Amino acid sequence: MTHHARPGASDGILNRKGKVVLAPLRFVWNATRGYRLTPWRSEYLKWRVETYSGKKAETLTAGDIFGFMWASRWELLSFLHWTGRLEDDVRRRGPS
């Protein structure tokens, strides 16, 4: 099996300390609260896509949302990996 390098991808995004990183699934689960069967209708998810892409949230369709996620998948995974590391750091430090 050949490993193909992807722009911005590293083994750390998909695997950390032998565990699969669940940050992307956790984000999608939280971002689609109330819209789990129709995530493209989530106002929060539309707002996030608008913020990142510049496309107006009220004009976004399911195809726009999924197209954006596919086209930006490596950048999004990298971002979610980074937020997962921040959450781990906060958990390790405990309450302030």
PDB file of N, CA and C in Angstrom:
ATOM      1  N   MET A   1       0.848  -1.188   0.000  1.00  0.00           N
ATOM      2  CA  MET A   1       0.000   0.000   0.000  1.00  0.00           C
ATOM      3  C   MET A   1       0.884   1.239   0.000  1.00  0.00           C
ATOM      4  N   THR A   2       0.644   2.148  -0.901  1.00  0.00           N
ATOM      5  CA  THR A   2       1.454   3.343  -1.050  1.00  0.00           C
ATOM      6  C   THR A   2       0.795   4.498  -0.321  1.00  0.00           C
ATOM      7  N   HIS A   3       1.609   5.249   0.411  1.00  0.00           N
ATOM      8  CA  HIS A   3       1.103   6.430   1.109  1.00  0.00           C
ATOM      9  C   HIS A   3       1.309   7.639   0.208  1.00  0.00           C
ATOM     10  N   HIS A   4       0.260   8.343  -0.115  1.00  0.00           N
ATOM     11  CA  HIS A   4       0.338   9.535  -0.948  1.00  0.00           C
ATOM     12  C   HIS A   4       0.281  10.753  -0.050  1.00  0.00           C
ATOM     13  N   ALA A   5       1.253  11.621  -0.182  1.00  0.00           N
ATOM     14  CA  ALA A   5       1.275  12.854   0.609  1.00  0.00           C
ATOM     15  C   ALA A   5       0.193  13.794   0.104  1.00  0.00           C
ATOM     16  N   ARG A   6      -0.454  14.468   1.000  1.00  0.00           N
ATOM     17  CA  ARG A   6      -1.471  15.440   0.656  1.00  0.00           C
ATOM     18  C   ARG A   6      -1.016  16.795   1.174  1.00  0.00           C
ATOM     19  N   PRO A   7      -1.354  17.866   0.468  1.00  0.00           N
ATOM     20  CA  PRO A   7      -0.963  19.191   0.941  1.00  0.00           C
ATOM     21  C   PRO A   7      -1.522  19.447   2.336  1.00  0.00           C
ATOM     22  N   GLY A   8      -0.671  19.807   3.261  1.00  0.00           N
ATOM     23  CA  GLY A   8      -1.111  20.137   4.609  1.00  0.00           C
ATOM     24  C   GLY A   8      -1.455  18.955   5.474  1.00  0.00           C
ATOM     25  N   ALA A   9      -1.342  17.747   4.960  1.00  0.00           N
ATOM     26  CA  ALA A   9      -1.704  16.568   5.737  1.00  0.00           C
ATOM     27  C   ALA A   9      -0.469  15.974   6.378  1.00  0.00           C
ATOM     28  N   SER A  10      -0.665  15.377   7.515  1.00  0.00           N
ATOM     29  CA  SER A  10       0.414  14.650   8.170  1.00  0.00           C
ATOM     30  C   SER A  10      -0.209  13.511   8.935  1.00  0.00           C
ATOM     31  N   ASP A  11       0.610  12.576   9.348  1.00  0.00           N
ATOM     32  CA  ASP A  11       0.074  11.456  10.123  1.00  0.00           C
ATOM     33  C   ASP A  11      -0.596  11.954  11.396  1.00  0.00           C
ATOM     34  N   GLY A  12      -0.152  13.085  11.932  1.00  0.00           N
ATOM     35  CA  GLY A  12      -0.726  13.619  13.163  1.00  0.00           C
ATOM     36  C   GLY A  12      -2.178  14.030  13.028  1.00  0.00           C
ATOM     37  N   ILE A  13      -2.625  14.330  11.826  1.00  0.00           N
ATOM     38  CA  ILE A  13      -4.010  14.741  11.636  1.00  0.00           C
ATOM     39  C   ILE A  13      -4.937  13.544  11.787  1.00  0.00           C
ATOM     40  N   LEU A  14      -4.533  12.423  11.252  1.00  0.00           N
ATOM     41  CA  LEU A  14      -5.403  11.262  11.259  1.00  0.00           C
ATOM     42  C   LEU A  14      -5.123  10.316  12.419  1.00  0.00           C
ATOM     43  N   ASN A  15      -3.950  10.406  13.012  1.00  0.00           N
ATOM     44  CA  ASN A  15      -3.580   9.449  14.039  1.00  0.00           C
ATOM     45  C   ASN A  15      -2.655  10.128  15.046  1.00  0.00           C
ATOM     46  N   ARG A  16      -3.007  10.052  16.309  1.00  0.00           N
ATOM     47  CA  ARG A  16      -2.195  10.663  17.353  1.00  0.00           C
ATOM     48  C   ARG A  16      -2.060   9.658  18.477  1.00  0.00           C
ATOM     49  N   LYS A  17      -0.838   9.275  18.782  1.00  0.00           N
ATOM     50  CA  LYS A  17      -0.572   8.320  19.850  1.00  0.00           C
ATOM     51  C   LYS A  17      -1.346   7.026  19.645  1.00  0.00           C
ATOM     52  N   GLY A  18      -1.463   6.609  18.381  1.00  0.00           N
ATOM     53  CA  GLY A  18      -2.129   5.350  18.080  1.00  0.00           C
ATOM     54  C   GLY A  18      -3.642   5.417  18.105  1.00  0.00           C
ATOM     55  N   LYS A  19      -4.224   6.597  18.334  1.00  0.00           N
ATOM     56  CA  LYS A  19      -5.680   6.729  18.376  1.00  0.00           C
ATOM     57  C   LYS A  19      -6.157   7.590  17.213  1.00  0.00           C
ATOM     58  N   VAL A  20      -7.315   7.267  16.684  1.00  0.00           N
ATOM     59  CA  VAL A  20      -7.917   8.083  15.637  1.00  0.00           C
ATOM     60  C   VAL A  20      -8.430   9.363  16.284  1.00  0.00           C
ATOM     61  N   VAL A  21      -8.138  10.484  15.683  1.00  0.00           N
ATOM     62  CA  VAL A  21      -8.591  11.770  16.205  1.00  0.00           C
ATOM     63  C   VAL A  21     -10.074  11.929  15.882  1.00  0.00           C
ATOM     64  N   LEU A  22     -10.863  12.171  16.896  1.00  0.00           N
ATOM     65  CA  LEU A  22     -12.308  12.303  16.706  1.00  0.00           C
ATOM     66  C   LEU A  22     -12.773  13.752  16.624  1.00  0.00           C
ATOM     67  N   ALA A  23     -11.859  14.697  16.619  1.00  0.00           N
ATOM     68  CA  ALA A  23     -12.224  16.108  16.577  1.00  0.00           C
ATOM     69  C   ALA A  23     -13.129  16.451  15.399  1.00  0.00           C
ATOM     70  N   PRO A  24     -12.865  15.953  14.177  1.00  0.00           N
ATOM     71  CA  PRO A  24     -13.770  16.300  13.068  1.00  0.00           C
ATOM     72  C   PRO A  24     -15.202  15.821  13.302  1.00  0.00           C
ATOM     73  N   LEU A  25     -15.350  14.603  13.789  1.00  0.00           N
ATOM     74  CA  LEU A  25     -16.705  14.094  14.058  1.00  0.00           C
ATOM     75  C   LEU A  25     -17.371  14.853  15.196  1.00  0.00           C
ATOM     76  N   ARG A  26     -16.595  15.177  16.226  1.00  0.00           N
ATOM     77  CA  ARG A  26     -17.145  15.941  17.353  1.00  0.00           C
ATOM     78  C   ARG A  26     -17.614  17.314  16.884  1.00  0.00           C
ATOM     79  N   PHE A  27     -16.811  17.959  16.017  1.00  0.00           N
ATOM     80  CA  PHE A  27     -17.205  19.270  15.502  1.00  0.00           C
ATOM     81  C   PHE A  27     -18.503  19.184  14.708  1.00  0.00           C
ATOM     82  N   VAL A  28     -18.569  18.234  13.780  1.00  0.00           N
ATOM     83  CA  VAL A  28     -19.775  18.080  12.956  1.00  0.00           C
ATOM     84  C   VAL A  28     -20.980  17.782  13.834  1.00  0.00           C
ATOM     85  N   TRP A  29     -20.807  16.914  14.825  1.00  0.00           N
ATOM     86  CA  TRP A  29     -21.906  16.581  15.744  1.00  0.00           C
ATOM     87  C   TRP A  29     -22.409  17.829  16.457  1.00  0.00           C
ATOM     88  N   ASN A  30     -21.498  18.638  16.970  1.00  0.00           N
ATOM     89  CA  ASN A  30     -21.884  19.856  17.685  1.00  0.00           C
ATOM     90  C   ASN A  30     -22.420  20.936  16.751  1.00  0.00           C
ATOM     91  N   ALA A  31     -21.821  21.065  15.566  1.00  0.00           N
ATOM     92  CA  ALA A  31     -22.214  22.117  14.631  1.00  0.00           C
ATOM     93  C   ALA A  31     -23.573  21.865  14.002  1.00  0.00           C
ATOM     94  N   THR A  32     -24.030  20.620  14.017  1.00  0.00           N
ATOM     95  CA  THR A  32     -25.303  20.291  13.369  1.00  0.00           C
ATOM     96  C   THR A  32     -26.408  19.966  14.373  1.00  0.00           C
ATOM     97  N   ARG A  33     -26.210  20.343  15.619  1.00  0.00           N
ATOM     98  CA  ARG A  33     -27.227  20.092  16.650  1.00  0.00           C
ATOM     99  C   ARG A  33     -28.590  20.613  16.177  1.00  0.00           C
ATOM    100  N   GLY A  34     -29.573  19.740  16.196  1.00  0.00           N
ATOM    101  CA  GLY A  34     -30.905  20.087  15.724  1.00  0.00           C
ATOM    102  C   GLY A  34     -31.104  19.833  14.237  1.00  0.00           C
ATOM    103  N   TYR A  35     -30.006  19.565  13.536  1.00  0.00           N
ATOM    104  CA  TYR A  35     -30.060  19.350  12.083  1.00  0.00           C
ATOM    105  C   TYR A  35     -29.218  18.141  11.687  1.00  0.00           C
ATOM    106  N   ARG A  36     -29.134  17.147  12.532  1.00  0.00           N
ATOM    107  CA  ARG A  36     -28.212  16.034  12.300  1.00  0.00           C
ATOM    108  C   ARG A  36     -28.523  15.260  11.014  1.00  0.00           C
ATOM    109  N   LEU A  37     -29.769  15.159  10.633  1.00  0.00           N
ATOM    110  CA  LEU A  37     -30.119  14.443   9.399  1.00  0.00           C
ATOM    111  C   LEU A  37     -30.066  15.350   8.170  1.00  0.00           C
ATOM    112  N   THR A  38     -30.037  16.643   8.406  1.00  0.00           N
ATOM    113  CA  THR A  38     -29.939  17.620   7.315  1.00  0.00           C
ATOM    114  C   THR A  38     -28.921  18.703   7.714  1.00  0.00           C
ATOM    115  N   PRO A  39     -27.641  18.346   7.800  1.00  0.00           N
ATOM    116  CA  PRO A  39     -26.636  19.284   8.319  1.00  0.00           C
ATOM    117  C   PRO A  39     -26.506  20.571   7.511  1.00  0.00           C
ATOM    118  N   TRP A  40     -26.820  20.533   6.226  1.00  0.00           N
ATOM    119  CA  TRP A  40     -26.720  21.730   5.397  1.00  0.00           C
ATOM    120  C   TRP A  40     -27.731  22.794   5.797  1.00  0.00           C
ATOM    121  N   ARG A  41     -28.701  22.457   6.625  1.00  0.00           N
ATOM    122  CA  ARG A  41     -29.681  23.442   7.103  1.00  0.00           C
ATOM    123  C   ARG A  41     -29.255  24.110   8.407  1.00  0.00           C
ATOM    124  N   SER A  42     -28.189  23.629   9.017  1.00  0.00           N
ATOM    125  CA  SER A  42     -27.698  24.186  10.277  1.00  0.00           C
ATOM    126  C   SER A  42     -27.229  25.628  10.075  1.00  0.00           C
ATOM    127  N   GLU A  43     -27.856  26.558  10.791  1.00  0.00           N
ATOM    128  CA  GLU A  43     -27.465  27.965  10.699  1.00  0.00           C
ATOM    129  C   GLU A  43     -26.023  28.152  11.156  1.00  0.00           C
ATOM    130  N   TYR A  44     -25.628  27.412  12.195  1.00  0.00           N
ATOM    131  CA  TYR A  44     -24.258  27.516  12.687  1.00  0.00           C
ATOM    132  C   TYR A  44     -23.272  27.055  11.623  1.00  0.00           C
ATOM    133  N   LEU A  45     -23.528  25.918  10.997  1.00  0.00           N
ATOM    134  CA  LEU A  45     -22.636  25.400   9.967  1.00  0.00           C
ATOM    135  C   LEU A  45     -22.588  26.353   8.775  1.00  0.00           C
ATOM    136  N   LYS A  46     -23.739  26.898   8.380  1.00  0.00           N
ATOM    137  CA  LYS A  46     -23.769  27.863   7.275  1.00  0.00           C
ATOM    138  C   LYS A  46     -22.958  29.107   7.628  1.00  0.00           C
ATOM    139  N   TRP A  47     -23.087  29.563   8.861  1.00  0.00           N
ATOM    140  CA  TRP A  47     -22.345  30.738   9.308  1.00  0.00           C
ATOM    141  C   TRP A  47     -20.845  30.468   9.258  1.00  0.00           C
ATOM    142  N   ARG A  48     -20.411  29.267   9.680  1.00  0.00           N
ATOM    143  CA  ARG A  48     -18.990  28.919   9.655  1.00  0.00           C
ATOM    144  C   ARG A  48     -18.475  28.873   8.217  1.00  0.00           C
ATOM    145  N   VAL A  49     -19.263  28.297   7.303  1.00  0.00           N
ATOM    146  CA  VAL A  49     -18.845  28.239   5.897  1.00  0.00           C
ATOM    147  C   VAL A  49     -18.784  29.655   5.325  1.00  0.00           C
ATOM    148  N   GLU A  50     -19.762  30.493   5.678  1.00  0.00           N
ATOM    149  CA  GLU A  50     -19.751  31.883   5.209  1.00  0.00           C
ATOM    150  C   GLU A  50     -18.503  32.600   5.706  1.00  0.00           C
ATOM    151  N   THR A  51     -18.174  32.430   6.968  1.00  0.00           N
ATOM    152  CA  THR A  51     -17.010  33.085   7.552  1.00  0.00           C
ATOM    153  C   THR A  51     -15.728  32.665   6.838  1.00  0.00           C
ATOM    154  N   TYR A  52     -15.617  31.396   6.537  1.00  0.00           N
ATOM    155  CA  TYR A  52     -14.395  30.859   5.944  1.00  0.00           C
ATOM    156  C   TYR A  52     -14.322  31.095   4.433  1.00  0.00           C
ATOM    157  N   SER A  53     -15.462  30.972   3.743  1.00  0.00           N
ATOM    158  CA  SER A  53     -15.445  31.027   2.280  1.00  0.00           C
ATOM    159  C   SER A  53     -15.829  32.386   1.705  1.00  0.00           C
ATOM    160  N   GLY A  54     -16.603  33.163   2.457  1.00  0.00           N
ATOM    161  CA  GLY A  54     -17.074  34.437   1.947  1.00  0.00           C
ATOM    162  C   GLY A  54     -18.414  34.349   1.232  1.00  0.00           C
ATOM    163  N   LYS A  55     -18.917  33.112   1.016  1.00  0.00           N
ATOM    164  CA  LYS A  55     -20.233  32.957   0.387  1.00  0.00           C
ATOM    165  C   LYS A  55     -21.307  33.299   1.413  1.00  0.00           C
ATOM    166  N   LYS A  56     -22.348  33.965   0.987  1.00  0.00           N
ATOM    167  CA  LYS A  56     -23.420  34.372   1.896  1.00  0.00           C
ATOM    168  C   LYS A  56     -24.183  33.154   2.426  1.00  0.00           C
ATOM    169  N   ALA A  57     -24.353  33.084   3.738  1.00  0.00           N
ATOM    170  CA  ALA A  57     -24.990  31.932   4.389  1.00  0.00           C
ATOM    171  C   ALA A  57     -26.393  31.681   3.861  1.00  0.00           C
ATOM    172  N   GLU A  58     -27.148  32.739   3.626  1.00  0.00           N
ATOM    173  CA  GLU A  58     -28.543  32.551   3.198  1.00  0.00           C
ATOM    174  C   GLU A  58     -28.662  31.974   1.787  1.00  0.00           C
ATOM    175  N   THR A  59     -27.575  31.998   1.017  1.00  0.00           N
ATOM    176  CA  THR A  59     -27.628  31.459  -0.339  1.00  0.00           C
ATOM    177  C   THR A  59     -27.035  30.050  -0.444  1.00  0.00           C
ATOM    178  N   LEU A  60     -26.461  29.540   0.630  1.00  0.00           N
ATOM    179  CA  LEU A  60     -25.788  28.239   0.592  1.00  0.00           C
ATOM    180  C   LEU A  60     -26.782  27.089   0.463  1.00  0.00           C
ATOM    181  N   THR A  61     -26.460  26.169  -0.416  1.00  0.00           N
ATOM    182  CA  THR A  61     -27.266  24.958  -0.597  1.00  0.00           C
ATOM    183  C   THR A  61     -26.477  23.768  -0.042  1.00  0.00           C
ATOM    184  N   ALA A  62     -27.118  22.596  -0.007  1.00  0.00           N
ATOM    185  CA  ALA A  62     -26.440  21.376   0.431  1.00  0.00           C
ATOM    186  C   ALA A  62     -25.199  21.138  -0.431  1.00  0.00           C
ATOM    187  N   GLY A  63     -25.326  21.326  -1.731  1.00  0.00           N
ATOM    188  CA  GLY A  63     -24.194  21.143  -2.632  1.00  0.00           C
ATOM    189  C   GLY A  63     -23.053  22.100  -2.336  1.00  0.00           C
ATOM    190  N   ASP A  64     -23.394  23.356  -1.998  1.00  0.00           N
ATOM    191  CA  ASP A  64     -22.362  24.334  -1.639  1.00  0.00           C
ATOM    192  C   ASP A  64     -21.614  23.900  -0.380  1.00  0.00           C
ATOM    193  N   ILE A  65     -22.367  23.448   0.626  1.00  0.00           N
ATOM    194  CA  ILE A  65     -21.765  23.038   1.906  1.00  0.00           C
ATOM    195  C   ILE A  65     -20.842  21.843   1.687  1.00  0.00           C
ATOM    196  N   PHE A  66     -21.348  20.804   1.036  1.00  0.00           N
ATOM    197  CA  PHE A  66     -20.538  19.611   0.826  1.00  0.00           C
ATOM    198  C   PHE A  66     -19.375  19.876  -0.122  1.00  0.00           C
ATOM    199  N   GLY A  67     -19.607  20.700  -1.142  1.00  0.00           N
ATOM    200  CA  GLY A  67     -18.523  21.063  -2.063  1.00  0.00           C
ATOM    201  C   GLY A  67     -17.409  21.810  -1.349  1.00  0.00           C
ATOM    202  N   PHE A  68     -17.795  22.742  -0.485  1.00  0.00           N
ATOM    203  CA  PHE A  68     -16.807  23.487   0.291  1.00  0.00           C
ATOM    204  C   PHE A  68     -16.028  22.560   1.211  1.00  0.00           C
ATOM    205  N   MET A  69     -16.749  21.662   1.900  1.00  0.00           N
ATOM    206  CA  MET A  69     -16.083  20.751   2.815  1.00  0.00           C
ATOM    207  C   MET A  69     -15.111  19.832   2.070  1.00  0.00           C
ATOM    208  N   TRP A  70     -15.492  19.373   0.900  1.00  0.00           N
ATOM    209  CA  TRP A  70     -14.618  18.481   0.124  1.00  0.00           C
ATOM    210  C   TRP A  70     -13.395  19.248  -0.390  1.00  0.00           C
ATOM    211  N   ALA A  71     -13.629  20.427  -0.950  1.00  0.00           N
ATOM    212  CA  ALA A  71     -12.525  21.206  -1.509  1.00  0.00           C
ATOM    213  C   ALA A  71     -11.542  21.662  -0.429  1.00  0.00           C
ATOM    214  N   SER A  72     -12.031  21.878   0.787  1.00  0.00           N
ATOM    215  CA  SER A  72     -11.201  22.393   1.889  1.00  0.00           C
ATOM    216  C   SER A  72     -10.857  21.328   2.909  1.00  0.00           C
ATOM    217  N   ARG A  73     -11.068  20.061   2.582  1.00  0.00           N
ATOM    218  CA  ARG A  73     -10.972  18.986   3.576  1.00  0.00           C
ATOM    219  C   ARG A  73      -9.647  18.948   4.320  1.00  0.00           C
ATOM    220  N   TRP A  74      -8.520  19.148   3.656  1.00  0.00           N
ATOM    221  CA  TRP A  74      -7.228  19.042   4.354  1.00  0.00           C
ATOM    222  C   TRP A  74      -6.997  20.238   5.265  1.00  0.00           C
ATOM    223  N   GLU A  75      -7.404  21.416   4.836  1.00  0.00           N
ATOM    224  CA  GLU A  75      -7.288  22.593   5.703  1.00  0.00           C
ATOM    225  C   GLU A  75      -8.205  22.446   6.918  1.00  0.00           C
ATOM    226  N   LEU A  76      -9.427  21.937   6.678  1.00  0.00           N
ATOM    227  CA  LEU A  76     -10.370  21.749   7.787  1.00  0.00           C
ATOM    228  C   LEU A  76      -9.855  20.705   8.770  1.00  0.00           C
ATOM    229  N   LEU A  77      -9.318  19.601   8.277  1.00  0.00           N
ATOM    230  CA  LEU A  77      -8.762  18.573   9.170  1.00  0.00           C
ATOM    231  C   LEU A  77      -7.583  19.119   9.961  1.00  0.00           C
ATOM    232  N   SER A  78      -6.751  19.910   9.315  1.00  0.00           N
ATOM    233  CA  SER A  78      -5.617  20.519  10.013  1.00  0.00           C
ATOM    234  C   SER A  78      -6.107  21.446  11.125  1.00  0.00           C
ATOM    235  N   PHE A  79      -7.109  22.263  10.830  1.00  0.00           N
ATOM    236  CA  PHE A  79      -7.682  23.163  11.833  1.00  0.00           C
ATOM    237  C   PHE A  79      -8.292  22.372  12.993  1.00  0.00           C
ATOM    238  N   LEU A  80      -9.034  21.326  12.680  1.00  0.00           N
ATOM    239  CA  LEU A  80      -9.664  20.533  13.727  1.00  0.00           C
ATOM    240  C   LEU A  80      -8.627  19.789  14.566  1.00  0.00           C
ATOM    241  N   HIS A  81      -7.539  19.379  13.956  1.00  0.00           N
ATOM    242  CA  HIS A  81      -6.447  18.761  14.704  1.00  0.00           C
ATOM    243  C   HIS A  81      -5.868  19.771  15.694  1.00  0.00           C
ATOM    244  N   TRP A  82      -5.668  20.998  15.236  1.00  0.00           N
ATOM    245  CA  TRP A  82      -5.135  22.064  16.092  1.00  0.00           C
ATOM    246  C   TRP A  82      -6.076  22.343  17.267  1.00  0.00           C
ATOM    247  N   THR A  83      -7.388  22.432  16.996  1.00  0.00           N
ATOM    248  CA  THR A  83      -8.323  22.679  18.100  1.00  0.00           C
ATOM    249  C   THR A  83      -8.353  21.501  19.066  1.00  0.00           C
ATOM    250  N   GLY A  84      -8.188  20.278  18.556  1.00  0.00           N
ATOM    251  CA  GLY A  84      -8.114  19.108  19.426  1.00  0.00           C
ATOM    252  C   GLY A  84      -6.914  19.172  20.351  1.00  0.00           C
ATOM    253  N   ARG A  85      -5.778  19.625  19.829  1.00  0.00           N
ATOM    254  CA  ARG A  85      -4.579  19.774  20.674  1.00  0.00           C
ATOM    255  C   ARG A  85      -4.814  20.827  21.748  1.00  0.00           C
ATOM    256  N   LEU A  86      -5.471  21.935  21.391  1.00  0.00           N
ATOM    257  CA  LEU A  86      -5.774  22.969  22.385  1.00  0.00           C
ATOM    258  C   LEU A  86      -6.669  22.414  23.485  1.00  0.00           C
ATOM    259  N   GLU A  87      -7.699  21.657  23.105  1.00  0.00           N
ATOM    260  CA  GLU A  87      -8.588  21.053  24.105  1.00  0.00           C
ATOM    261  C   GLU A  87      -7.827  20.098  25.015  1.00  0.00           C
ATOM    262  N   ASP A  88      -6.912  19.314  24.444  1.00  0.00           N
ATOM    263  CA  ASP A  88      -6.089  18.403  25.254  1.00  0.00           C
ATOM    264  C   ASP A  88      -5.253  19.178  26.254  1.00  0.00           C
ATOM    265  N   ASP A  89      -4.654  20.291  25.808  1.00  0.00           N
ATOM    266  CA  ASP A  89      -3.841  21.113  26.707  1.00  0.00           C
ATOM    267  C   ASP A  89      -4.674  21.670  27.850  1.00  0.00           C
ATOM    268  N   VAL A  90      -5.865  22.142  27.538  1.00  0.00           N
ATOM    269  CA  VAL A  90      -6.748  22.688  28.577  1.00  0.00           C
ATOM    270  C   VAL A  90      -7.128  21.600  29.575  1.00  0.00           C
ATOM    271  N   ARG A  91      -7.465  20.420  29.073  1.00  0.00           N
ATOM    272  CA  ARG A  91      -7.822  19.302  29.955  1.00  0.00           C
ATOM    273  C   ARG A  91      -6.671  18.913  30.861  1.00  0.00           C
ATOM    274  N   ARG A  92      -5.460  18.900  30.328  1.00  0.00           N
ATOM    275  CA  ARG A  92      -4.275  18.526  31.133  1.00  0.00           C
ATOM    276  C   ARG A  92      -4.012  19.530  32.228  1.00  0.00           C
ATOM    277  N   ARG A  93      -4.210  20.812  31.941  1.00  0.00           N
ATOM    278  CA  ARG A  93      -3.963  21.864  32.939  1.00  0.00           C
ATOM    279  C   ARG A  93      -5.014  21.851  34.042  1.00  0.00           C
ATOM    280  N   GLY A  94      -6.218  21.441  33.705  1.00  0.00           N
ATOM    281  CA  GLY A  94      -7.293  21.424  34.696  1.00  0.00           C
ATOM    282  C   GLY A  94      -7.863  22.800  34.926  1.00  0.00           C
ATOM    283  N   PRO A  95      -8.780  22.902  35.898  1.00  0.00           N
ATOM    284  CA  PRO A  95      -9.423  24.201  36.184  1.00  0.00           C
ATOM    285  C   PRO A  95      -8.411  25.216  36.705  1.00  0.00           C
ATOM    286  N   SER A  96      -8.589  26.456  36.277  1.00  0.00           N
ATOM    287  CA  SER A  96      -7.678  27.531  36.724  1.00  0.00           C
ATOM    288  C   SER A  96      -8.144  28.155  37.996  1.00  0.00           C
TER     289      SER A  96
END
